[in-house]
Amino acid sequence: MFDERIKELRSNLGINQVEFGKLISVSKQCVSNWENGNVQPSIDMLIKIAQTFSVSADYLLGLNNIITLDVSGLTTNQILHIRNIIDDFKEITNK
């Protein structure tokens, strides 16, 4: 599951393996090995990857499918607007 999640998240950011590797200070080969399921990252690297993608380690490992959104620093009104946008997307998806 980790290999699929990391590849999907990287692709969604629109960056290649080299660019992602530079973000977290590893080689393209290291990223490739993770995405191909050849090796797993260390715990420290798992944390760094989760922070880079703003997801939980549980999500990366496939323990849950919940992606959270950090809204700290936003006003209640701004948060409500974001919630409405999310609800609109969910409604469109469920049709």
C-alpha atoms as a PDB file:
ATOM      1  CA  MET A   1       0.000   0.000   0.000  1.00  0.00           C
ATOM      2  CA  PHE A   2       2.835   2.433   0.822  1.00  0.00           C
ATOM      3  CA  ASP A   3       4.265   2.133  -2.670  1.00  0.00           C
ATOM      4  CA  GLU A   4       0.928   3.017  -4.277  1.00  0.00           C
ATOM      5  CA  ARG A   5       0.220   5.884  -1.920  1.00  0.00           C
ATOM      6  CA  ILE A   6       3.595   7.570  -2.276  1.00  0.00           C
ATOM      7  CA  LYS A   7       3.470   7.330  -6.066  1.00  0.00           C
ATOM      8  CA  GLU A   8      -0.055   8.726  -6.183  1.00  0.00           C
ATOM      9  CA  LEU A   9       0.758  11.609  -3.839  1.00  0.00           C
ATOM     10  CA  ARG A  10       3.931  12.469  -5.745  1.00  0.00           C
ATOM     11  CA  SER A  11       2.111  12.364  -9.087  1.00  0.00           C
ATOM     12  CA  ASN A  12      -0.714  14.523  -7.728  1.00  0.00           C
ATOM     13  CA  LEU A  13       1.867  17.151  -6.786  1.00  0.00           C
ATOM     14  CA  GLY A  14       3.081  17.035 -10.375  1.00  0.00           C
ATOM     15  CA  ILE A  15       6.671  16.243  -9.476  1.00  0.00           C
ATOM     16  CA  ASN A  16       8.918  13.453 -10.686  1.00  0.00           C
ATOM     17  CA  GLN A  17      11.015  11.098  -8.569  1.00  0.00           C
ATOM     18  CA  VAL A  18      14.106  13.298  -8.836  1.00  0.00           C
ATOM     19  CA  GLU A  19      12.232  16.386  -7.655  1.00  0.00           C
ATOM     20  CA  PHE A  20      10.609  14.509  -4.793  1.00  0.00           C
ATOM     21  CA  GLY A  21      13.941  13.024  -3.784  1.00  0.00           C
ATOM     22  CA  LYS A  22      15.456  16.498  -3.622  1.00  0.00           C
ATOM     23  CA  LEU A  23      12.597  17.664  -1.386  1.00  0.00           C
ATOM     24  CA  ILE A  24      13.377  15.003   1.186  1.00  0.00           C
ATOM     25  CA  SER A  25      17.138  14.677   0.525  1.00  0.00           C
ATOM     26  CA  VAL A  26      17.226  11.196  -1.008  1.00  0.00           C
ATOM     27  CA  SER A  27      18.155   9.885  -4.436  1.00  0.00           C
ATOM     28  CA  LYS A  28      15.791   9.138  -7.310  1.00  0.00           C
ATOM     29  CA  GLN A  29      16.776   5.489  -6.904  1.00  0.00           C
ATOM     30  CA  CYS A  30      15.602   5.535  -3.296  1.00  0.00           C
ATOM     31  CA  VAL A  31      12.220   6.970  -4.321  1.00  0.00           C
ATOM     32  CA  SER A  32      11.990   4.439  -7.151  1.00  0.00           C
ATOM     33  CA  ASN A  33      12.704   1.574  -4.766  1.00  0.00           C
ATOM     34  CA  TRP A  34       9.918   2.739  -2.440  1.00  0.00           C
ATOM     35  CA  GLU A  35       7.450   3.113  -5.307  1.00  0.00           C
ATOM     36  CA  ASN A  36       8.304  -0.329  -6.676  1.00  0.00           C
ATOM     37  CA  GLY A  37       7.913  -1.945  -3.261  1.00  0.00           C
ATOM     38  CA  ASN A  38      11.548  -3.060  -3.155  1.00  0.00           C
ATOM     39  CA  VAL A  39      12.314  -1.410   0.190  1.00  0.00           C
ATOM     40  CA  GLN A  40      10.496   0.461   2.933  1.00  0.00           C
ATOM     41  CA  PRO A  41      11.626   3.795   4.365  1.00  0.00           C
ATOM     42  CA  SER A  42      12.991   4.156   7.871  1.00  0.00           C
ATOM     43  CA  ILE A  43      10.642   5.483  10.525  1.00  0.00           C
ATOM     44  CA  ASP A  44      12.386   8.865  10.405  1.00  0.00           C
ATOM     45  CA  MET A  45      11.978   9.002   6.640  1.00  0.00           C
ATOM     46  CA  LEU A  46       8.331   7.899   6.878  1.00  0.00           C
ATOM     47  CA  ILE A  47       7.696  10.873   9.148  1.00  0.00           C
ATOM     48  CA  LYS A  48       9.476  13.212   6.731  1.00  0.00           C
ATOM     49  CA  ILE A  49       7.435  11.871   3.800  1.00  0.00           C
ATOM     50  CA  ALA A  50       4.179  12.262   5.747  1.00  0.00           C
ATOM     51  CA  GLN A  51       5.092  15.841   6.633  1.00  0.00           C
ATOM     52  CA  THR A  52       6.044  16.624   3.037  1.00  0.00           C
ATOM     53  CA  PHE A  53       2.690  15.397   1.733  1.00  0.00           C
ATOM     54  CA  SER A  54       0.727  16.690   4.762  1.00  0.00           C
ATOM     55  CA  VAL A  55      -0.756  13.256   5.429  1.00  0.00           C
ATOM     56  CA  SER A  56      -0.499  10.869   8.363  1.00  0.00           C
ATOM     57  CA  ALA A  57       1.865   7.933   8.495  1.00  0.00           C
ATOM     58  CA  ASP A  58      -1.246   5.777   8.953  1.00  0.00           C
ATOM     59  CA  TYR A  59      -2.509   6.998   5.597  1.00  0.00           C
ATOM     60  CA  LEU A  60       0.826   6.296   3.893  1.00  0.00           C
ATOM     61  CA  LEU A  61       0.893   2.791   5.349  1.00  0.00           C
ATOM     62  CA  GLY A  62      -2.692   2.056   4.330  1.00  0.00           C
ATOM     63  CA  LEU A  63      -3.961   1.792   7.903  1.00  0.00           C
ATOM     64  CA  ASN A  64      -6.704   4.296   7.106  1.00  0.00           C
ATOM     65  CA  ASN A  65      -8.001   6.249   4.154  1.00  0.00           C
ATOM     66  CA  ILE A  66      -8.423   9.541   5.961  1.00  0.00           C
ATOM     67  CA  ILE A  67      -6.632  12.578   4.585  1.00  0.00           C
ATOM     68  CA  THR A  68      -6.728  15.521   6.955  1.00  0.00           C
ATOM     69  CA  LEU A  69      -6.483  19.178   6.137  1.00  0.00           C
ATOM     70  CA  ASP A  70      -4.632  21.583   8.448  1.00  0.00           C
ATOM     71  CA  VAL A  71      -6.817  24.634   8.876  1.00  0.00           C
ATOM     72  CA  SER A  72      -4.965  26.118  11.825  1.00  0.00           C
ATOM     73  CA  GLY A  73      -4.613  29.861  11.502  1.00  0.00           C
ATOM     74  CA  LEU A  74      -7.799  30.227   9.465  1.00  0.00           C
ATOM     75  CA  THR A  75     -10.886  31.981  10.746  1.00  0.00           C
ATOM     76  CA  THR A  76     -14.074  30.082  11.481  1.00  0.00           C
ATOM     77  CA  ASN A  77     -15.639  31.715   8.441  1.00  0.00           C
ATOM     78  CA  GLN A  78     -12.786  30.571   6.183  1.00  0.00           C
ATOM     79  CA  ILE A  79     -13.060  27.031   7.553  1.00  0.00           C
ATOM     80  CA  LEU A  80     -16.805  27.008   6.859  1.00  0.00           C
ATOM     81  CA  HIS A  81     -16.161  28.081   3.258  1.00  0.00           C
ATOM     82  CA  ILE A  82     -13.674  25.240   2.829  1.00  0.00           C
ATOM     83  CA  ARG A  83     -16.146  22.778   4.354  1.00  0.00           C
ATOM     84  CA  ASN A  84     -18.797  23.944   1.861  1.00  0.00           C
ATOM     85  CA  ILE A  85     -16.404  23.423  -1.055  1.00  0.00           C
ATOM     86  CA  ILE A  86     -15.574  19.920   0.197  1.00  0.00           C
ATOM     87  CA  ASP A  87     -19.265  19.111   0.604  1.00  0.00           C
ATOM     88  CA  ASP A  88     -19.914  20.318  -2.951  1.00  0.00           C
ATOM     89  CA  PHE A  89     -17.167  18.026  -4.290  1.00  0.00           C
ATOM     90  CA  LYS A  90     -18.557  15.075  -2.316  1.00  0.00           C
ATOM     91  CA  GLU A  91     -22.033  15.735  -3.706  1.00  0.00           C
ATOM     92  CA  ILE A  92     -20.705  15.833  -7.270  1.00  0.00           C
ATOM     93  CA  THR A  93     -18.741  12.621  -6.713  1.00  0.00           C
ATOM     94  CA  ASN A  94     -21.752  10.775  -5.303  1.00  0.00           C
ATOM     95  CA  LYS A  95     -23.973  11.583  -8.299  1.00  0.00           C
END
